[in-house]
């Protein structure tokens, strides 16, 4: 990891570990190899990882963990870390949903093609709390480098309960689109008959790392719609729209070409908690929604029901931080 001699020298000095110790730690912890990296820009990455072990059975929408040792280098300009000497021998891990590029050589990816796990990751250089530990290290990786990959793939954010003729719409912000990519592929591969739509809100057009795959999907399947929103491009300043706005106004349904009917529609939400607006329950068991109003509250007002594994509904959500 890292290619410059200065990078290794700086790391050894900072971690107080020798190159031999670093190699021993990598051998001890790392169990997967980076097989592909695509960076739409310096702060956004689509990465494929091939574990040393057989990929366990899993469902579209689920997640696993990635990890790197604290001894690894971080991207220049990242918020400064404060670590104790013993910390440099530890591994930092974080959960990431599995994504999919949907296409391979112009054809839909088949299950037998998925010999890797794909992830969609944004670089976080700074935070209001502790310095970001993992993504500044992940963005130093090159193809062929090693890392930690969790042996278990899990999660309740899946297509369970979706019937073949149901309408399905996916709403996301940024890299919250990751599980939706894999879920959309799974629906289409399984012969789903109902219409499918996906909307994603990002800051800039360059943040739409999968847009070409979705535009191709619109051509492949006439009842598929891919809707993009940007909030920081010059032409939208002063009139930008978020997922909640187009849901509230009816623009989402207009662009989809079909109604969000709670009798036959499932809505999946992933990404920014403010977009989702997940409620809590008060002492009496009543739902208390956060402000400003998020998508979940707007959907509940229209007769949709929040899904729980033991109490099925048609609003599914997963917050990304």
Protein backbone atom coordinates (compact mmCIF):
# COMPACT_ATOMS: atom_id res chain seq x y z
CA UNK A 1 0.00 0.00 0.00
CA UNK A 2 1.43 3.29 -1.04
CA UNK A 3 4.15 3.34 -3.63
CA UNK A 4 6.61 6.01 -2.53
CA UNK A 5 9.57 5.27 -0.30
CA UNK A 6 8.83 8.47 1.60
CA UNK A 7 5.37 7.15 2.47
CA UNK A 8 6.80 4.01 4.04
CA UNK A 9 9.46 5.95 5.91
CA UNK A 10 6.93 8.42 7.25
CA UNK A 11 4.64 5.59 8.34
CA UNK A 12 7.37 3.67 10.15
CA UNK A 13 8.42 6.81 11.98
CA UNK A 14 4.83 7.65 12.93
CA UNK A 15 3.84 4.13 14.01
CA UNK A 16 7.16 3.11 15.51
CA UNK A 17 6.79 -0.21 13.69
CA UNK A 18 9.39 -1.76 11.46
CA UNK A 19 8.55 -2.90 7.96
CA UNK A 20 8.88 -6.50 9.16
CA UNK A 21 6.37 -5.88 11.96
CA UNK A 22 3.96 -4.31 9.48
CA UNK A 23 4.23 -7.31 7.16
CA UNK A 24 3.62 -9.67 10.09
CA UNK A 25 0.51 -7.75 11.11
CA UNK A 26 -0.81 -7.81 7.56
CA UNK A 27 -0.26 -11.57 7.39
CA UNK A 28 -2.04 -12.00 10.70
CA UNK A 29 -5.16 -9.96 9.94
CA UNK A 30 -5.64 -9.49 6.21
CA UNK A 31 -7.83 -12.02 4.40
CA UNK A 32 -8.81 -10.39 1.12
CA UNK A 33 -7.31 -8.74 -1.96
CA UNK A 34 -8.29 -5.61 -3.88
CA UNK A 35 -9.02 -6.80 -7.42
CA UNK A 36 -10.40 -3.59 -8.95
CA UNK A 37 -10.62 0.12 -8.14
CA UNK A 38 -12.55 2.74 -10.07
CA UNK A 39 -12.40 6.35 -8.89
CA UNK A 40 -14.84 8.76 -10.57
CA UNK A 41 -12.85 11.42 -8.70
CA UNK A 42 -10.38 11.58 -5.81
CA UNK A 43 -13.06 11.33 -3.12
CA UNK A 44 -15.29 8.60 -4.54
CA UNK A 45 -14.44 4.96 -5.13
CA UNK A 46 -15.98 1.75 -6.47
CA UNK A 47 -13.82 -1.06 -5.15
CA UNK A 48 -13.98 -4.82 -5.67
CA UNK A 49 -12.55 -7.15 -3.06
CA UNK A 50 -11.93 -10.87 -3.41
CA UNK A 51 -11.82 -12.71 -0.08
CA UNK A 52 -9.49 -15.64 0.55
CA UNK A 53 -12.56 -17.63 1.63
CA UNK A 54 -15.66 -18.61 -0.38
CA UNK A 55 -18.18 -15.77 -0.50
CA UNK A 56 -21.00 -16.78 1.86
CA UNK A 57 -24.61 -16.96 0.65
CA UNK A 58 -26.31 -13.61 1.04
CA UNK A 59 -29.17 -11.42 -0.12
CA UNK A 60 -29.12 -8.21 -2.13
CA UNK A 61 -29.11 -5.22 0.24
CA UNK A 62 -26.98 -6.82 2.95
CA UNK A 63 -23.59 -5.69 4.22
CA UNK A 64 -20.26 -6.87 5.53
CA UNK A 65 -17.19 -5.17 6.99
CA UNK A 66 -13.93 -3.90 5.57
CA UNK A 67 -10.89 -3.09 7.65
CA UNK A 68 -7.30 -1.90 7.64
CA UNK A 69 -4.61 -1.64 10.26
CA UNK A 70 -3.91 1.65 11.97
CA UNK A 71 -0.34 1.13 10.77
CA UNK A 72 -1.41 1.89 7.18
CA UNK A 73 -0.94 5.36 5.62
CA UNK A 74 -3.75 7.90 5.28
CA UNK A 75 -4.50 10.29 2.44
CA UNK A 76 -2.79 13.68 2.66
CA UNK A 77 -4.94 16.37 4.22
CA UNK A 78 -6.99 14.07 6.42
CA UNK A 79 -7.85 15.25 9.91
CA UNK A 80 -4.97 14.54 12.24
CA UNK A 81 -5.27 11.43 14.40
CA UNK A 82 -4.33 11.11 18.04
CA UNK A 83 -3.28 7.51 18.66
CA UNK A 84 -1.50 5.72 21.45
CA UNK A 85 1.51 3.54 20.56
CA UNK A 86 -0.49 0.35 21.13
CA UNK A 87 -3.21 1.53 18.72
CA UNK A 88 -0.92 1.07 15.73
CA UNK A 89 -1.19 -2.71 16.07
CA UNK A 90 -4.99 -2.65 15.90
CA UNK A 91 -7.40 -2.88 12.96
CA UNK A 92 -10.22 -0.42 12.26
CA UNK A 93 -13.35 -1.91 10.69
CA UNK A 94 -16.56 -0.49 9.30
CA UNK A 95 -19.71 -1.97 7.75
CA UNK A 96 -20.43 -1.35 4.06
CA UNK A 97 -23.39 -2.47 1.96
CA UNK A 98 -22.64 -4.59 -1.08
CA UNK A 99 -23.07 -2.79 -4.39
CA UNK A 100 -23.10 -3.89 -8.03
CA UNK A 101 -22.12 -2.42 -11.38
CA UNK A 102 -25.10 -4.34 -12.88
CA UNK A 103 -23.41 -4.98 -16.26
CA UNK A 104 -20.52 -7.07 -17.52
CA UNK A 105 -19.50 -6.76 -21.17
CA UNK A 106 -22.90 -5.40 -22.10
CA UNK A 107 -24.84 -8.17 -20.35
CA UNK A 108 -26.44 -8.33 -16.92
CA UNK A 109 -24.05 -9.70 -14.32
CA UNK A 110 -24.91 -13.30 -13.54
CA UNK A 111 -24.50 -14.88 -10.08
CA UNK A 112 -21.58 -17.00 -11.30
CA UNK A 113 -19.75 -13.79 -12.32
CA UNK A 114 -19.80 -12.45 -8.76
CA UNK A 115 -16.50 -13.87 -7.53
CA UNK A 116 -15.84 -10.59 -5.71
CA UNK A 117 -17.64 -8.17 -3.39
CA UNK A 118 -18.20 -4.63 -4.64
CA UNK A 119 -18.37 -1.54 -2.43
CA UNK A 120 -19.19 2.12 -3.07
CA UNK A 121 -17.26 4.40 -0.74
CA UNK A 122 -16.89 8.14 -0.26
CA UNK A 123 -13.76 9.60 1.31
CA UNK A 124 -14.34 11.25 4.67
CA UNK A 125 -11.35 13.38 5.56
CA UNK A 126 -12.77 15.24 8.52
CA UNK A 127 -15.51 14.94 11.11
CA UNK A 128 -16.73 16.88 14.12
CA UNK A 129 -15.62 14.09 16.44
CA UNK A 130 -12.74 11.65 16.17
CA UNK A 131 -10.63 11.83 13.04
CA UNK A 132 -11.97 9.46 10.34
CA UNK A 133 -9.91 6.29 10.62
CA UNK A 134 -10.86 3.96 7.78
CA UNK A 135 -11.73 5.80 4.56
CA UNK A 136 -8.51 7.89 4.53
CA UNK A 137 -6.69 4.53 4.56
CA UNK A 138 -8.97 2.80 2.06
CA UNK A 139 -8.29 5.57 -0.46
CA UNK A 140 -4.57 4.78 -0.34
CA UNK A 141 -5.19 1.25 -1.62
CA UNK A 142 -4.09 -0.01 -5.03
CA UNK A 143 -5.11 -3.10 -6.96
CA UNK A 144 -3.37 -6.12 -5.46
CA UNK A 145 -3.25 -4.68 -1.95
CA UNK A 146 -4.55 -6.64 1.01
CA UNK A 147 -7.16 -5.77 3.66
CA UNK A 148 -9.67 -7.24 6.08
CA UNK A 149 -13.05 -8.47 4.81
CA UNK A 150 -15.69 -9.70 7.23
CA UNK A 151 -16.55 -13.40 6.87
CA UNK A 152 -20.26 -12.77 7.47
CA UNK A 153 -22.74 -10.94 5.23
CA UNK A 154 -25.90 -9.91 7.05
CA UNK A 155 -28.65 -7.31 7.44
CA UNK A 156 -32.44 -6.93 7.33
CA UNK A 157 -32.48 -4.39 4.48
CA UNK A 158 -33.51 -6.82 1.77
CA UNK A 159 -36.21 -7.44 -0.82
CA UNK A 160 -38.10 -9.77 1.49
CA UNK A 161 -41.85 -9.27 1.07
CA UNK A 162 -41.68 -7.77 -2.42
CA UNK A 163 -44.07 -9.62 -4.74
CA UNK A 164 -43.36 -10.15 -8.46
CA UNK A 165 -45.94 -7.57 -9.59
CA UNK A 166 -45.28 -4.92 -6.94
CA UNK A 167 -44.03 -1.48 -7.83
CA UNK A 168 -40.62 -0.83 -6.26
CA UNK A 169 -38.92 2.53 -5.80
CA UNK A 170 -35.46 3.12 -4.34
CA UNK A 171 -34.57 6.52 -2.84
CA UNK A 172 -30.98 7.32 -1.87
CA UNK A 173 -28.43 9.98 -1.12
CA UNK A 174 -24.82 9.59 -2.26
CA UNK A 175 -23.30 6.18 -1.63
CA UNK A 176 -26.58 5.09 -0.05
CA UNK A 177 -27.27 3.97 -3.61
CA UNK A 178 -24.92 0.99 -3.10
CA UNK A 179 -27.40 -1.63 -1.83
CA UNK A 180 -30.02 -0.43 -4.32
CA UNK A 181 -27.76 -1.26 -7.24
CA UNK A 182 -27.53 -4.87 -6.14
CA UNK A 183 -31.24 -5.04 -5.28
CA UNK A 184 -32.27 -3.70 -8.68
CA UNK A 185 -30.04 -6.25 -10.40
CA UNK A 186 -31.58 -9.02 -8.30
CA UNK A 187 -35.14 -7.92 -9.17
CA UNK A 188 -34.42 -7.89 -12.87
CA UNK A 189 -32.51 -11.19 -12.85
CA UNK A 190 -35.41 -12.82 -10.99
CA UNK A 191 -37.94 -11.69 -13.61
CA UNK A 192 -39.71 -9.04 -11.55
CA UNK A 193 -42.78 -7.90 -13.46
CA UNK A 194 -43.69 -4.66 -11.69
CA UNK A 195 -42.14 -1.29 -12.60
CA UNK A 196 -38.94 -0.24 -10.85
CA UNK A 197 -37.64 3.25 -10.14
CA UNK A 198 -34.53 4.65 -8.49
CA UNK A 199 -33.80 8.23 -7.42
CA UNK A 200 -30.53 9.48 -5.99
CA UNK A 201 -29.55 12.90 -4.66
CA UNK A 202 -25.89 13.99 -4.76
CA UNK A 203 -23.95 17.24 -4.56
CA UNK A 204 -22.45 17.22 -8.05
CA UNK A 205 -23.00 15.22 -11.24
CA UNK A 206 -19.51 13.77 -10.85
CA UNK A 207 -20.81 11.99 -7.71
CA UNK A 208 -23.09 9.77 -9.82
CA UNK A 209 -20.65 6.89 -10.13
CA UNK A 210 -23.21 4.43 -11.54
CA UNK A 211 -25.15 6.69 -13.87
CA UNK A 212 -24.01 4.96 -17.08
CA UNK A 213 -25.13 1.56 -15.75
CA UNK A 214 -28.58 2.94 -14.92
CA UNK A 215 -29.01 4.77 -18.23
CA UNK A 216 -28.24 1.49 -19.99
CA UNK A 217 -30.79 -0.20 -17.76
CA UNK A 218 -33.44 2.32 -18.85
CA UNK A 219 -32.81 1.29 -22.44
CA UNK A 220 -32.84 -2.41 -21.53
CA UNK A 221 -36.07 -2.20 -19.55
CA UNK A 222 -38.68 0.40 -20.66
CA UNK A 223 -40.48 0.50 -17.30
CA UNK A 224 -37.31 1.35 -15.37
CA UNK A 225 -36.69 4.98 -14.37
CA UNK A 226 -33.49 6.52 -12.98
CA UNK A 227 -33.89 9.99 -11.48
CA UNK A 228 -30.93 12.12 -10.42
CA UNK A 229 -30.87 15.26 -8.29
CA UNK A 230 -27.88 17.53 -7.69
CA UNK A 231 -27.71 20.21 -5.01
CA UNK A 232 -24.49 22.14 -5.68
CA UNK A 233 -24.27 22.53 -9.43
CA UNK A 234 -24.43 26.23 -10.39
CA UNK A 235 -27.64 25.86 -12.38
CA UNK A 236 -29.63 24.54 -9.39
CA UNK A 237 -28.51 27.08 -6.81
CA UNK A 238 -31.56 28.79 -5.35
CA UNK A 239 -33.93 26.11 -6.62
CA UNK A 240 -32.33 22.84 -5.58
CA UNK A 241 -34.53 19.90 -4.69
CA UNK A 242 -34.04 17.00 -2.34
CA UNK A 243 -35.66 13.56 -2.30
CA UNK A 244 -38.21 14.79 0.25
CA UNK A 245 -39.17 17.70 -2.02
CA UNK A 246 -39.98 15.63 -5.09
CA UNK A 247 -41.81 13.09 -2.94
CA UNK A 248 -43.92 15.79 -1.30
CA UNK A 249 -44.73 17.68 -4.51
CA UNK A 250 -45.67 14.67 -6.62
CA UNK A 251 -42.76 15.24 -9.01
CA UNK A 252 -41.36 11.83 -8.12
CA UNK A 253 -44.51 10.06 -9.35
CA UNK A 254 -44.66 12.27 -12.42
CA UNK A 255 -41.10 11.34 -13.39
CA UNK A 256 -41.63 7.68 -12.57
CA UNK A 257 -44.81 7.55 -14.61
CA UNK A 258 -46.76 5.69 -11.96
CA UNK A 259 -48.44 6.29 -8.61
CA UNK A 260 -46.97 5.44 -5.22
CA UNK A 261 -49.92 3.30 -4.23
CA UNK A 262 -49.36 1.74 -0.78
CA UNK A 263 -51.45 -1.27 -1.78
CA UNK A 264 -48.85 -2.41 -4.30
CA UNK A 265 -45.65 -0.39 -3.76
CA UNK A 266 -42.51 -0.92 -1.71
CA UNK A 267 -40.21 2.03 -0.99
CA UNK A 268 -36.57 1.56 -0.03
CA UNK A 269 -34.63 4.46 1.54
CA UNK A 270 -30.90 4.53 2.19
CA UNK A 271 -28.37 7.22 3.03
CA UNK A 272 -28.63 10.51 4.91
CA UNK A 273 -30.74 10.13 8.09
CA UNK A 274 -32.26 13.58 7.43
CA UNK A 275 -33.64 12.35 4.12
CA UNK A 276 -35.02 9.21 5.72
CA UNK A 277 -36.46 10.80 8.86
CA UNK A 278 -36.82 7.58 10.85
CA UNK A 279 -39.21 7.98 13.80
CA UNK A 280 -38.92 6.88 17.40
CA UNK A 281 -41.71 5.77 19.69
CA UNK A 282 -42.82 7.72 22.76
CA UNK A 283 -43.87 6.18 26.07
CA UNK A 284 -47.33 5.48 24.66
CA UNK A 285 -45.99 3.74 21.57
CA UNK A 286 -46.82 6.58 19.20
CA UNK A 287 -44.44 7.44 16.37
CA UNK A 288 -42.49 10.66 16.88
CA UNK A 289 -40.91 11.97 13.68
CA UNK A 290 -37.85 14.20 13.55
CA UNK A 291 -37.83 17.64 11.97
CA UNK A 292 -37.47 18.72 9.26
CA UNK A 293 -39.88 16.22 7.74
CA UNK A 294 -38.24 13.19 6.16
CA UNK A 295 -39.42 10.73 3.55
CA UNK A 296 -40.72 8.15 6.04
CA UNK A 297 -43.21 10.59 7.54
CA UNK A 298 -44.40 11.66 4.10
CA UNK A 299 -44.98 8.03 3.17
CA UNK A 300 -46.73 7.16 6.43
CA UNK A 301 -49.14 10.05 5.84
CA UNK A 302 -50.04 8.41 2.54
CA UNK A 303 -50.85 5.04 4.07
CA UNK A 304 -47.49 3.29 3.89
CA UNK A 305 -46.28 1.19 6.81
CA UNK A 306 -42.77 0.89 8.24
CA UNK A 307 -41.34 -2.58 7.76
CA UNK A 308 -40.04 -4.62 10.69
CA UNK A 309 -38.89 -8.24 10.39
CA UNK A 310 -41.67 -9.37 12.74
CA UNK A 311 -44.23 -6.86 11.44
CA UNK A 312 -43.92 -6.57 7.65
CA UNK A 313 -44.55 -3.26 5.93
CA UNK A 314 -43.69 -1.47 2.72
CA UNK A 315 -41.28 1.25 3.93
CA UNK A 316 -37.74 -0.10 4.26
CA UNK A 317 -34.82 2.05 5.33
CA UNK A 318 -31.17 1.94 6.28
CA UNK A 319 -29.31 4.97 7.62
CA UNK A 320 -25.68 5.44 6.57
CA UNK A 321 -24.35 7.23 9.64
